[in-house]
Protein backbone atom coordinates (compact mmCIF):
# COMPACT_ATOMS: atom_id res chain seq x y z
CA UNK A 1 0.00 0.00 0.00
CA UNK A 2 2.83 2.37 0.83
CA UNK A 3 4.52 1.63 -2.49
CA UNK A 4 1.26 2.39 -4.30
CA UNK A 5 0.72 5.65 -2.48
CA UNK A 6 4.27 6.91 -2.84
CA UNK A 7 4.32 7.63 -6.61
CA UNK A 8 0.95 9.35 -6.36
CA UNK A 9 2.18 11.46 -3.49
CA UNK A 10 5.46 12.46 -5.17
CA UNK A 11 3.43 13.26 -8.33
CA UNK A 12 1.10 15.68 -6.52
CA UNK A 13 3.75 17.02 -4.14
CA UNK A 14 5.45 19.49 -6.51
CA UNK A 15 2.17 21.11 -7.45
CA UNK A 16 1.16 21.40 -3.79
CA UNK A 17 4.58 22.73 -2.81
CA UNK A 18 4.45 25.29 -5.65
CA UNK A 19 0.98 26.41 -4.59
CA UNK A 20 2.06 26.74 -0.94
CA UNK A 21 5.21 28.63 -2.00
CA UNK A 22 3.19 30.96 -4.25
CA UNK A 23 0.67 31.66 -1.52
CA UNK A 24 3.42 32.21 1.03
CA UNK A 25 5.27 34.62 -1.29
CA UNK A 26 2.01 36.48 -1.97
CA UNK A 27 1.23 36.75 1.73
CA UNK A 28 4.81 37.86 2.50
CA UNK A 29 4.67 40.40 -0.31
CA UNK A 30 1.35 41.80 0.93
CA UNK A 31 2.69 41.92 4.48
CA UNK A 32 5.86 43.77 3.52
CA UNK A 33 3.82 46.06 1.28
CA UNK A 34 1.52 46.90 4.20
CA UNK A 35 4.51 47.55 6.47
CA UNK A 36 6.03 49.88 3.86
CA UNK A 37 2.72 51.71 3.49
CA UNK A 38 2.36 52.15 7.27
CA UNK A 39 5.97 53.36 7.56
CA UNK A 40 5.43 55.79 4.64
CA UNK A 41 2.21 57.17 6.15
CA UNK A 42 3.88 57.54 9.56
CA UNK A 43 6.87 59.34 8.07
CA UNK A 44 4.61 61.55 5.94
CA UNK A 45 2.37 62.54 8.89
CA UNK A 46 5.26 62.71 11.37
């Protein structure tokens, strides 16, 4: 059973890893963008 499930798992793993990596990079980009915006607003008002 393990031998049967392994190829399937390795076949779907790259797609799942790519999706997780893409989502993580998007979240990180949005987070850094929000931080930059907050810092810019604070420096502009300060």
